[in-house]
Amino acid sequence: MTGVPASAAGGPSGARRAKGPASGGLTPASGRALAREARDTAPGGSGEGRARREAPSPEEVHPRSSDSTEAAEAQGSTRAPRGGKIAAAAVDQASVWNIANLLTMLRLLLVPAFVMLMLADGGYDPAWRSLAWAAFAIAMITDLFDGHLARTYNLVTDFGKIADPIADKAIMGAALICLSALGDLPWWVTGVILGRELGITLLRFLVIRYGVIPASRGGKLKTLTQGVAVGMYVLALTGWLATLRWWVMAAAVVLTVATGLDYVKQAIVLRRQGIAERKAALEETEE
């Protein structure tokens, strides 16, 4: 016989190992394993949950795509939108109705009101002249505050840049012309003051390509002196006050001429510096 029984080949231990499964008996450990397998494979059982837990996530399957998505989200969160700067500028420029511009508008509206009050009842009624002085004083006071408010609280707008100097010249010009028309102030004084104001304004525009002529202390003192002098002439003053206003106006005229010449000097220097800088820049580019 060529075959050997399994029990004989394995000896007593082999016979015991073969006998166990053949008899169909289950050990406690194998029973628990079978029960767990049946529970996992049953519909709606925990096998689906284990399958879901064992299934790889999209990030694990495609790690590079996940990284690129996170990088794109991070870049999108840090990069400003294409029209962000334009929108911000529009918001800054949209606030035309701020306190500084409102004061400038008030000053513009006071110009025709001042003229009507100044010329009411022939222009020599002390009561109407007092009301005209009140309108002029309010206009001059608002001139002191609107620019300060605009610079302090970042309320500078294109409208304010244009309207503020117009309002300044308008109220002062209206007062001087009315006084000269009524015979209270010589026409040459009105001509000197208005000629200087218009000439310096034109000069600023001519040299703006080279730079900006800053306002000097003399210019601010000139504006204050002009306001006080014109205000005193608007009021129907007599006696020593009438003599005092003449001297104040004389000081205003001197300051007007002196500061005007100083602005002309600054404009010439600024233009020469600008031309020299441009010439030097052209020489550098040619080299």
C-alpha atoms as a PDB file:
ATOM      1  CA  MET A   1       0.000   0.000   0.000  1.00  0.00           C
ATOM      2  CA  THR A   2       1.380   3.312  -1.002  1.00  0.00           C
ATOM      3  CA  GLY A   3      -1.045   5.560   0.995  1.00  0.00           C
ATOM      4  CA  VAL A   4      -0.743   6.188   4.672  1.00  0.00           C
ATOM      5  CA  PRO A   5      -3.760   7.214   6.743  1.00  0.00           C
ATOM      6  CA  ALA A   6      -3.755  10.821   7.913  1.00  0.00           C
ATOM      7  CA  SER A   7      -4.180   9.730  11.460  1.00  0.00           C
ATOM      8  CA  ALA A   8      -1.228   7.461  11.197  1.00  0.00           C
ATOM      9  CA  ALA A   9       0.957  10.052   9.468  1.00  0.00           C
ATOM     10  CA  GLY A  10       0.281  12.706  11.982  1.00  0.00           C
ATOM     11  CA  GLY A  11       0.204  10.511  15.000  1.00  0.00           C
ATOM     12  CA  PRO A  12      -2.171  11.164  17.782  1.00  0.00           C
ATOM     13  CA  SER A  13      -1.973  14.927  17.421  1.00  0.00           C
ATOM     14  CA  GLY A  14      -2.781  14.782  13.732  1.00  0.00           C
ATOM     15  CA  ALA A  15      -5.749  12.581  14.458  1.00  0.00           C
ATOM     16  CA  ARG A  16      -7.028  15.144  16.917  1.00  0.00           C
ATOM     17  CA  ARG A  17      -6.658  18.024  14.458  1.00  0.00           C
ATOM     18  CA  ALA A  18      -8.510  16.105  11.777  1.00  0.00           C
ATOM     19  CA  LYS A  19     -11.228  15.031  14.144  1.00  0.00           C
ATOM     20  CA  GLY A  20     -12.129  18.508  15.237  1.00  0.00           C
ATOM     21  CA  PRO A  21     -13.378  19.996  11.932  1.00  0.00           C
ATOM     22  CA  ALA A  22     -14.780  16.773  10.691  1.00  0.00           C
ATOM     23  CA  SER A  23     -17.122  16.507  13.589  1.00  0.00           C
ATOM     24  CA  GLY A  24     -18.724  19.866  12.654  1.00  0.00           C
ATOM     25  CA  GLY A  25     -18.270  21.409  16.119  1.00  0.00           C
ATOM     26  CA  LEU A  26     -17.648  25.202  16.581  1.00  0.00           C
ATOM     27  CA  THR A  27     -15.364  26.753  19.073  1.00  0.00           C
ATOM     28  CA  PRO A  28     -16.448  29.976  20.869  1.00  0.00           C
ATOM     29  CA  ALA A  29     -13.917  32.049  18.938  1.00  0.00           C
ATOM     30  CA  SER A  30     -15.023  30.731  15.559  1.00  0.00           C
ATOM     31  CA  GLY A  31     -18.661  31.317  16.465  1.00  0.00           C
ATOM     32  CA  ARG A  32     -18.042  34.942  17.276  1.00  0.00           C
ATOM     33  CA  ALA A  33     -16.136  35.404  14.010  1.00  0.00           C
ATOM     34  CA  LEU A  34     -18.984  33.927  12.000  1.00  0.00           C
ATOM     35  CA  ALA A  35     -21.554  36.076  13.753  1.00  0.00           C
ATOM     36  CA  ARG A  36     -19.513  39.212  13.148  1.00  0.00           C
ATOM     37  CA  GLU A  37     -19.092  38.312   9.467  1.00  0.00           C
ATOM     38  CA  ALA A  38     -22.830  37.722   9.075  1.00  0.00           C
ATOM     39  CA  ARG A  39     -23.630  41.033  10.745  1.00  0.00           C
ATOM     40  CA  ASP A  40     -21.214  42.899   8.500  1.00  0.00           C
ATOM     41  CA  THR A  41     -22.567  41.351   5.303  1.00  0.00           C
ATOM     42  CA  ALA A  42     -26.230  41.827   6.174  1.00  0.00           C
ATOM     43  CA  PRO A  43     -28.094  44.681   4.322  1.00  0.00           C
ATOM     44  CA  GLY A  44     -28.022  47.892   6.313  1.00  0.00           C
ATOM     45  CA  GLY A  45     -25.527  46.406   8.674  1.00  0.00           C
ATOM     46  CA  SER A  46     -22.281  47.863   9.846  1.00  0.00           C
ATOM     47  CA  GLY A  47     -20.499  46.439   6.841  1.00  0.00           C
ATOM     48  CA  GLU A  48     -21.550  49.426   4.805  1.00  0.00           C
ATOM     49  CA  GLY A  49     -20.184  51.722   7.477  1.00  0.00           C
ATOM     50  CA  ARG A  50     -16.942  49.758   7.543  1.00  0.00           C
ATOM     51  CA  ALA A  51     -16.836  49.904   3.761  1.00  0.00           C
ATOM     52  CA  ARG A  52     -17.339  53.612   3.893  1.00  0.00           C
ATOM     53  CA  ARG A  53     -14.647  53.920   6.515  1.00  0.00           C
ATOM     54  CA  GLU A  54     -12.297  51.784   4.537  1.00  0.00           C
ATOM     55  CA  ALA A  55     -13.084  53.535   1.213  1.00  0.00           C
ATOM     56  CA  PRO A  56     -10.382  56.072   0.280  1.00  0.00           C
ATOM     57  CA  SER A  57     -11.315  59.758   0.301  1.00  0.00           C
ATOM     58  CA  PRO A  58     -10.983  61.947  -2.833  1.00  0.00           C
ATOM     59  CA  GLU A  59      -8.032  63.667  -1.179  1.00  0.00           C
ATOM     60  CA  GLU A  60      -6.272  60.307  -0.720  1.00  0.00           C
ATOM     61  CA  VAL A  61      -6.991  59.257  -4.306  1.00  0.00           C
ATOM     62  CA  HIS A  62      -5.945  62.608  -5.798  1.00  0.00           C
ATOM     63  CA  PRO A  63      -3.672  64.370  -3.300  1.00  0.00           C
ATOM     64  CA  ARG A  64      -2.309  66.851  -5.840  1.00  0.00           C
ATOM     65  CA  SER A  65      -5.780  68.044  -6.851  1.00  0.00           C
ATOM     66  CA  SER A  66      -6.637  68.642  -3.195  1.00  0.00           C
ATOM     67  CA  ASP A  67      -3.464  70.637  -2.669  1.00  0.00           C
ATOM     68  CA  SER A  68      -4.124  72.724  -5.759  1.00  0.00           C
ATOM     69  CA  THR A  69      -7.688  73.397  -4.605  1.00  0.00           C
ATOM     70  CA  GLU A  70      -6.494  74.578  -1.193  1.00  0.00           C
ATOM     71  CA  ALA A  71      -3.835  76.751  -2.831  1.00  0.00           C
ATOM     72  CA  ALA A  72      -6.437  78.283  -5.149  1.00  0.00           C
ATOM     73  CA  GLU A  73      -8.754  79.008  -2.211  1.00  0.00           C
ATOM     74  CA  ALA A  74      -5.912  80.587  -0.239  1.00  0.00           C
ATOM     75  CA  GLN A  75      -4.882  82.681  -3.224  1.00  0.00           C
ATOM     76  CA  GLY A  76      -8.461  83.753  -3.802  1.00  0.00           C
ATOM     77  CA  SER A  77      -8.849  84.792  -0.177  1.00  0.00           C
ATOM     78  CA  THR A  78      -5.721  86.946  -0.226  1.00  0.00           C
ATOM     79  CA  ARG A  79      -6.048  88.423  -3.704  1.00  0.00           C
ATOM     80  CA  ALA A  80      -8.239  91.502  -3.917  1.00  0.00           C
ATOM     81  CA  PRO A  81     -10.984  91.492  -6.550  1.00  0.00           C
ATOM     82  CA  ARG A  82     -10.153  93.028  -9.868  1.00  0.00           C
ATOM     83  CA  GLY A  83     -12.308  96.095  -9.271  1.00  0.00           C
ATOM     84  CA  GLY A  84     -11.476  96.436  -5.584  1.00  0.00           C
ATOM     85  CA  LYS A  85      -9.304  99.528  -5.878  1.00  0.00           C
ATOM     86  CA  ILE A  86     -11.726 101.197  -8.278  1.00  0.00           C
ATOM     87  CA  ALA A  87     -14.629 100.466  -5.954  1.00  0.00           C
ATOM     88  CA  ALA A  88     -12.705 101.853  -2.964  1.00  0.00           C
ATOM     89  CA  ALA A  89     -11.866 105.014  -4.889  1.00  0.00           C
ATOM     90  CA  ALA A  90     -15.509 105.352  -5.899  1.00  0.00           C
ATOM     91  CA  VAL A  91     -16.561 105.104  -2.254  1.00  0.00           C
ATOM     92  CA  ASP A  92     -14.033 107.768  -1.279  1.00  0.00           C
ATOM     93  CA  GLN A  93     -15.145 110.094  -4.056  1.00  0.00           C
ATOM     94  CA  ALA A  94     -18.860 109.354  -3.595  1.00  0.00           C
ATOM     95  CA  SER A  95     -19.035 111.165  -0.236  1.00  0.00           C
ATOM     96  CA  VAL A  96     -19.613 114.598  -1.750  1.00  0.00           C
ATOM     97  CA  TRP A  97     -22.184 115.485   0.892  1.00  0.00           C
ATOM     98  CA  ASN A  98     -19.715 115.659   3.759  1.00  0.00           C
ATOM     99  CA  ILE A  99     -19.488 118.463   6.307  1.00  0.00           C
ATOM    100  CA  ALA A 100     -16.571 120.209   4.588  1.00  0.00           C
ATOM    101  CA  ASN A 101     -18.338 120.382   1.222  1.00  0.00           C
ATOM    102  CA  LEU A 102     -21.577 121.446   2.876  1.00  0.00           C
ATOM    103  CA  LEU A 103     -19.782 124.415   4.427  1.00  0.00           C
ATOM    104  CA  THR A 104     -18.370 125.301   1.008  1.00  0.00           C
ATOM    105  CA  MET A 105     -21.855 125.107  -0.532  1.00  0.00           C
ATOM    106  CA  LEU A 106     -23.180 127.314   2.247  1.00  0.00           C
ATOM    107  CA  ARG A 107     -20.510 129.878   1.453  1.00  0.00           C
ATOM    108  CA  LEU A 108     -21.494 129.832  -2.220  1.00  0.00           C
ATOM    109  CA  LEU A 109     -25.160 130.344  -1.310  1.00  0.00           C
ATOM    110  CA  LEU A 110     -24.236 133.250   0.949  1.00  0.00           C
ATOM    111  CA  VAL A 111     -22.758 135.208  -1.979  1.00  0.00           C
ATOM    112  CA  PRO A 112     -26.088 136.229  -3.601  1.00  0.00           C
ATOM    113  CA  ALA A 113     -27.640 136.668  -0.151  1.00  0.00           C
ATOM    114  CA  PHE A 114     -24.836 139.036   0.817  1.00  0.00           C
ATOM    115  CA  VAL A 115     -25.226 141.086  -2.363  1.00  0.00           C
ATOM    116  CA  MET A 116     -28.984 141.483  -1.837  1.00  0.00           C
ATOM    117  CA  LEU A 117     -28.522 142.511   1.794  1.00  0.00           C
ATOM    118  CA  MET A 118     -25.694 144.872   0.921  1.00  0.00           C
ATOM    119  CA  LEU A 119     -27.643 146.704  -1.774  1.00  0.00           C
ATOM    120  CA  ALA A 120     -31.012 146.668   0.010  1.00  0.00           C
ATOM    121  CA  ASP A 121     -32.658 150.071   0.463  1.00  0.00           C
ATOM    122  CA  GLY A 122     -29.972 151.854  -1.547  1.00  0.00           C
ATOM    123  CA  GLY A 123     -27.070 150.201   0.270  1.00  0.00           C
ATOM    124  CA  TYR A 124     -26.787 152.746   3.078  1.00  0.00           C
ATOM    125  CA  ASP A 125     -29.241 151.419   5.664  1.00  0.00           C
ATOM    126  CA  PRO A 126     -27.239 150.463   8.799  1.00  0.00           C
ATOM    127  CA  ALA A 127     -29.640 147.626   9.600  1.00  0.00           C
ATOM    128  CA  TRP A 128     -29.279 145.971   6.184  1.00  0.00           C
ATOM    129  CA  ARG A 129     -25.539 146.562   6.270  1.00  0.00           C
ATOM    130  CA  SER A 130     -25.381 144.784   9.638  1.00  0.00           C
ATOM    131  CA  LEU A 131     -27.190 141.779   8.155  1.00  0.00           C
ATOM    132  CA  ALA A 132     -24.835 141.840   5.194  1.00  0.00           C
ATOM    133  CA  TRP A 133     -21.881 141.873   7.586  1.00  0.00           C
ATOM    134  CA  ALA A 134     -23.333 138.820   9.388  1.00  0.00           C
ATOM    135  CA  ALA A 135     -23.549 136.926   6.097  1.00  0.00           C
ATOM    136  CA  PHE A 136     -19.988 137.955   5.204  1.00  0.00           C
ATOM    137  CA  ALA A 137     -18.692 136.937   8.644  1.00  0.00           C
ATOM    138  CA  ILE A 138     -20.334 133.503   8.404  1.00  0.00           C
ATOM    139  CA  ALA A 139     -18.781 132.987   4.994  1.00  0.00           C
ATOM    140  CA  MET A 140     -15.306 133.896   6.239  1.00  0.00           C
ATOM    141  CA  ILE A 141     -15.635 131.677   9.321  1.00  0.00           C
ATOM    142  CA  THR A 142     -16.709 128.674   7.254  1.00  0.00           C
ATOM    143  CA  ASP A 143     -13.668 129.295   5.066  1.00  0.00           C
ATOM    144  CA  LEU A 144     -11.482 128.673   8.106  1.00  0.00           C
ATOM    145  CA  PHE A 145     -13.152 125.381   9.016  1.00  0.00           C
ATOM    146  CA  ASP A 146     -13.996 123.566   5.782  1.00  0.00           C
ATOM    147  CA  GLY A 147     -10.400 123.060   4.675  1.00  0.00           C
ATOM    148  CA  HIS A 148      -9.305 122.020   8.167  1.00  0.00           C
ATOM    149  CA  LEU A 149     -12.115 119.479   8.439  1.00  0.00           C
ATOM    150  CA  ALA A 150     -11.403 118.075   4.977  1.00  0.00           C
ATOM    151  CA  ARG A 151      -7.719 117.508   5.737  1.00  0.00           C
ATOM    152  CA  THR A 152      -8.214 116.231   9.294  1.00  0.00           C
ATOM    153  CA  TYR A 153     -10.972 113.713   8.581  1.00  0.00           C
ATOM    154  CA  ASN A 154      -9.925 112.758   5.037  1.00  0.00           C
ATOM    155  CA  LEU A 155     -12.912 114.452   3.403  1.00  0.00           C
ATOM    156  CA  VAL A 156     -10.980 115.874   0.457  1.00  0.00           C
ATOM    157  CA  THR A 157     -12.950 115.497  -2.790  1.00  0.00           C
ATOM    158  CA  ASP A 158     -12.596 116.786  -6.326  1.00  0.00           C
ATOM    159  CA  PHE A 159     -15.653 118.959  -5.781  1.00  0.00           C
ATOM    160  CA  GLY A 160     -14.074 120.557  -2.721  1.00  0.00           C
ATOM    161  CA  LYS A 161     -10.811 121.237  -4.548  1.00  0.00           C
ATOM    162  CA  ILE A 162     -12.677 123.199  -7.211  1.00  0.00           C
ATOM    163  CA  ALA A 163     -15.513 124.763  -5.221  1.00  0.00           C
ATOM    164  CA  ASP A 164     -13.512 125.990  -2.214  1.00  0.00           C
ATOM    165  CA  PRO A 165     -11.280 128.528  -4.031  1.00  0.00           C
ATOM    166  CA  ILE A 166     -14.264 129.649  -6.134  1.00  0.00           C
ATOM    167  CA  ALA A 167     -16.285 130.323  -2.994  1.00  0.00           C
ATOM    168  CA  ASP A 168     -13.389 132.247  -1.444  1.00  0.00           C
ATOM    169  CA  LYS A 169     -12.934 134.501  -4.455  1.00  0.00           C
ATOM    170  CA  ALA A 170     -16.681 134.904  -4.956  1.00  0.00           C
ATOM    171  CA  ILE A 171     -17.515 136.241  -1.488  1.00  0.00           C
ATOM    172  CA  MET A 172     -14.484 138.535  -1.366  1.00  0.00           C
ATOM    173  CA  GLY A 173     -15.020 139.798  -4.910  1.00  0.00           C
ATOM    174  CA  ALA A 174     -18.714 140.449  -4.291  1.00  0.00           C
ATOM    175  CA  ALA A 175     -17.937 142.464  -1.151  1.00  0.00           C
ATOM    176  CA  LEU A 176     -15.224 144.557  -2.816  1.00  0.00           C
ATOM    177  CA  ILE A 177     -17.312 145.307  -5.905  1.00  0.00           C
ATOM    178  CA  CYS A 178     -20.338 146.280  -3.813  1.00  0.00           C
ATOM    179  CA  LEU A 179     -18.238 148.599  -1.640  1.00  0.00           C
ATOM    180  CA  SER A 180     -16.679 150.260  -4.668  1.00  0.00           C
ATOM    181  CA  ALA A 181     -20.051 150.558  -6.407  1.00  0.00           C
ATOM    182  CA  LEU A 182     -21.447 152.300  -3.318  1.00  0.00           C
ATOM    183  CA  GLY A 183     -18.463 154.662  -3.199  1.00  0.00           C
ATOM    184  CA  ASP A 184     -17.147 153.357   0.124  1.00  0.00           C
ATOM    185  CA  LEU A 185     -13.926 151.924  -1.293  1.00  0.00           C
ATOM    186  CA  PRO A 186     -11.727 153.175  -4.151  1.00  0.00           C
ATOM    187  CA  TRP A 187     -11.885 151.075  -7.300  1.00  0.00           C
ATOM    188  CA  TRP A 188      -8.120 150.771  -7.482  1.00  0.00           C
ATOM    189  CA  VAL A 189      -8.119 148.887  -4.167  1.00  0.00           C
ATOM    190  CA  THR A 190     -10.675 146.456  -5.544  1.00  0.00           C
ATOM    191  CA  GLY A 191      -8.632 146.119  -8.731  1.00  0.00           C
ATOM    192  CA  VAL A 192      -5.381 145.394  -6.868  1.00  0.00           C
ATOM    193  CA  ILE A 193      -6.900 142.765  -4.591  1.00  0.00           C
ATOM    194  CA  LEU A 194      -8.968 140.979  -7.223  1.00  0.00           C
ATOM    195  CA  GLY A 195      -6.165 141.192  -9.798  1.00  0.00           C
ATOM    196  CA  ARG A 196      -3.738 139.599  -7.386  1.00  0.00           C
ATOM    197  CA  GLU A 197      -6.162 136.804  -6.416  1.00  0.00           C
ATOM    198  CA  LEU A 198      -7.032 135.907  -9.999  1.00  0.00           C
ATOM    199  CA  GLY A 199      -3.429 136.230 -11.168  1.00  0.00           C
ATOM    200  CA  ILE A 200      -2.057 133.914  -8.463  1.00  0.00           C
ATOM    201  CA  THR A 201      -4.791 131.375  -9.136  1.00  0.00           C
ATOM    202  CA  LEU A 202      -3.869 131.358 -12.831  1.00  0.00           C
ATOM    203  CA  LEU A 203      -0.175 131.124 -11.946  1.00  0.00           C
ATOM    204  CA  ARG A 204      -0.814 128.051  -9.823  1.00  0.00           C
ATOM    205  CA  PHE A 205      -2.430 126.301 -12.771  1.00  0.00           C
ATOM    206  CA  LEU A 206       0.443 127.235 -15.077  1.00  0.00           C
ATOM    207  CA  VAL A 207       3.162 125.739 -12.865  1.00  0.00           C
ATOM    208  CA  ILE A 208       1.202 122.776 -11.528  1.00  0.00           C
ATOM    209  CA  ARG A 209       3.064 120.496 -13.949  1.00  0.00           C
ATOM    210  CA  TYR A 210       6.264 121.281 -12.037  1.00  0.00           C
ATOM    211  CA  GLY A 211       4.789 121.156  -8.543  1.00  0.00           C
ATOM    212  CA  VAL A 212       2.417 122.847  -6.099  1.00  0.00           C
ATOM    213  CA  ILE A 213       3.052 126.254  -4.560  1.00  0.00           C
ATOM    214  CA  PRO A 214       2.305 125.819  -0.842  1.00  0.00           C
ATOM    215  CA  ALA A 215       0.313 128.402   1.078  1.00  0.00           C
ATOM    216  CA  SER A 216       2.621 130.580   3.147  1.00  0.00           C
ATOM    217  CA  ARG A 217       2.054 132.233   6.503  1.00  0.00           C
ATOM    218  CA  GLY A 218       2.034 135.569   4.742  1.00  0.00           C
ATOM    219  CA  GLY A 219      -0.790 134.386   2.533  1.00  0.00           C
ATOM    220  CA  LYS A 220      -2.847 133.285   5.520  1.00  0.00           C
ATOM    221  CA  LEU A 221      -2.192 136.611   7.261  1.00  0.00           C
ATOM    222  CA  LYS A 222      -3.229 138.413   4.086  1.00  0.00           C
ATOM    223  CA  THR A 223      -6.525 136.520   3.970  1.00  0.00           C
ATOM    224  CA  LEU A 224      -7.250 137.325   7.606  1.00  0.00           C
ATOM    225  CA  THR A 225      -6.404 141.003   7.173  1.00  0.00           C
ATOM    226  CA  GLN A 226      -8.526 141.287   4.041  1.00  0.00           C
ATOM    227  CA  GLY A 227     -11.479 139.698   5.828  1.00  0.00           C
ATOM    228  CA  VAL A 228     -11.231 142.050   8.798  1.00  0.00           C
ATOM    229  CA  ALA A 229     -10.778 145.132   6.611  1.00  0.00           C
ATOM    230  CA  VAL A 230     -13.658 144.332   4.266  1.00  0.00           C
ATOM    231  CA  GLY A 231     -15.880 143.437   7.219  1.00  0.00           C
ATOM    232  CA  MET A 232     -15.183 146.805   8.809  1.00  0.00           C
ATOM    233  CA  TYR A 233     -16.056 148.563   5.544  1.00  0.00           C
ATOM    234  CA  VAL A 234     -19.308 146.618   5.249  1.00  0.00           C
ATOM    235  CA  LEU A 235     -20.421 147.946   8.620  1.00  0.00           C
ATOM    236  CA  ALA A 236     -21.566 151.549   8.727  1.00  0.00           C
ATOM    237  CA  LEU A 237     -18.767 152.753  11.005  1.00  0.00           C
ATOM    238  CA  THR A 238     -18.050 156.333  11.912  1.00  0.00           C
ATOM    239  CA  GLY A 239     -15.504 158.281  13.915  1.00  0.00           C
ATOM    240  CA  TRP A 240     -12.240 156.662  14.892  1.00  0.00           C
ATOM    241  CA  LEU A 241     -13.484 153.220  13.779  1.00  0.00           C
ATOM    242  CA  ALA A 242     -13.814 154.570  10.244  1.00  0.00           C
ATOM    243  CA  THR A 243     -10.213 155.808  10.448  1.00  0.00           C
ATOM    244  CA  LEU A 244      -9.049 152.468  11.849  1.00  0.00           C
ATOM    245  CA  ARG A 245     -10.619 150.495   9.022  1.00  0.00           C
ATOM    246  CA  TRP A 246      -8.694 152.635   6.513  1.00  0.00           C
ATOM    247  CA  TRP A 247      -5.402 151.582   8.097  1.00  0.00           C
ATOM    248  CA  VAL A 248      -6.460 147.952   8.251  1.00  0.00           C
ATOM    249  CA  MET A 249      -7.335 148.055   4.552  1.00  0.00           C
ATOM    250  CA  ALA A 250      -3.975 149.685   3.786  1.00  0.00           C
ATOM    251  CA  ALA A 251      -2.219 146.827   5.588  1.00  0.00           C
ATOM    252  CA  ALA A 252      -4.316 144.333   3.620  1.00  0.00           C
ATOM    253  CA  VAL A 253      -3.302 145.931   0.326  1.00  0.00           C
ATOM    254  CA  VAL A 254       0.400 145.867   1.283  1.00  0.00           C
ATOM    255  CA  LEU A 255       0.185 142.201   2.290  1.00  0.00           C
ATOM    256  CA  THR A 256      -1.721 141.428  -0.905  1.00  0.00           C
ATOM    257  CA  VAL A 257       1.011 142.882  -3.103  1.00  0.00           C
ATOM    258  CA  ALA A 258       3.908 141.460  -1.045  1.00  0.00           C
ATOM    259  CA  THR A 259       2.537 137.920  -0.924  1.00  0.00           C
ATOM    260  CA  GLY A 260       1.670 138.118  -4.612  1.00  0.00           C
ATOM    261  CA  LEU A 261       5.276 138.923  -5.500  1.00  0.00           C
ATOM    262  CA  ASP A 262       6.458 136.110  -3.225  1.00  0.00           C
ATOM    263  CA  TYR A 263       4.207 133.638  -5.039  1.00  0.00           C
ATOM    264  CA  VAL A 264       5.582 134.811  -8.382  1.00  0.00           C
ATOM    265  CA  LYS A 265       9.129 134.224  -7.101  1.00  0.00           C
ATOM    266  CA  GLN A 266       8.226 130.741  -5.880  1.00  0.00           C
ATOM    267  CA  ALA A 267       6.618 129.923  -9.220  1.00  0.00           C
ATOM    268  CA  ILE A 268       9.746 130.954 -11.124  1.00  0.00           C
ATOM    269  CA  VAL A 269      11.997 128.867  -8.861  1.00  0.00           C
ATOM    270  CA  LEU A 270       9.656 125.897  -9.077  1.00  0.00           C
ATOM    271  CA  ARG A 271       9.571 126.097 -12.862  1.00  0.00           C
ATOM    272  CA  ARG A 272      13.370 126.279 -13.129  1.00  0.00           C
ATOM    273  CA  GLN A 273      13.766 123.290 -10.837  1.00  0.00           C
ATOM    274  CA  GLY A 274      11.224 121.325 -12.823  1.00  0.00           C
ATOM    275  CA  ILE A 275      12.942 122.090 -16.134  1.00  0.00           C
ATOM    276  CA  ALA A 276      16.346 121.165 -14.697  1.00  0.00           C
ATOM    277  CA  GLU A 277      15.025 117.858 -13.350  1.00  0.00           C
ATOM    278  CA  ARG A 278      13.454 116.993 -16.681  1.00  0.00           C
ATOM    279  CA  LYS A 279      16.641 117.822 -18.534  1.00  0.00           C
ATOM    280  CA  ALA A 280      18.681 115.659 -16.168  1.00  0.00           C
ATOM    281  CA  ALA A 281      16.235 112.788 -16.605  1.00  0.00           C
ATOM    282  CA  LEU A 282      16.485 113.039 -20.394  1.00  0.00           C
ATOM    283  CA  GLU A 283      20.284 112.996 -20.223  1.00  0.00           C
ATOM    284  CA  GLU A 284      20.213 109.873 -18.072  1.00  0.00           C
ATOM    285  CA  THR A 285      17.920 108.074 -20.494  1.00  0.00           C
ATOM    286  CA  GLU A 286      20.133 109.025 -23.469  1.00  0.00           C
ATOM    287  CA  GLU A 287      23.209 107.629 -21.713  1.00  0.00           C
END
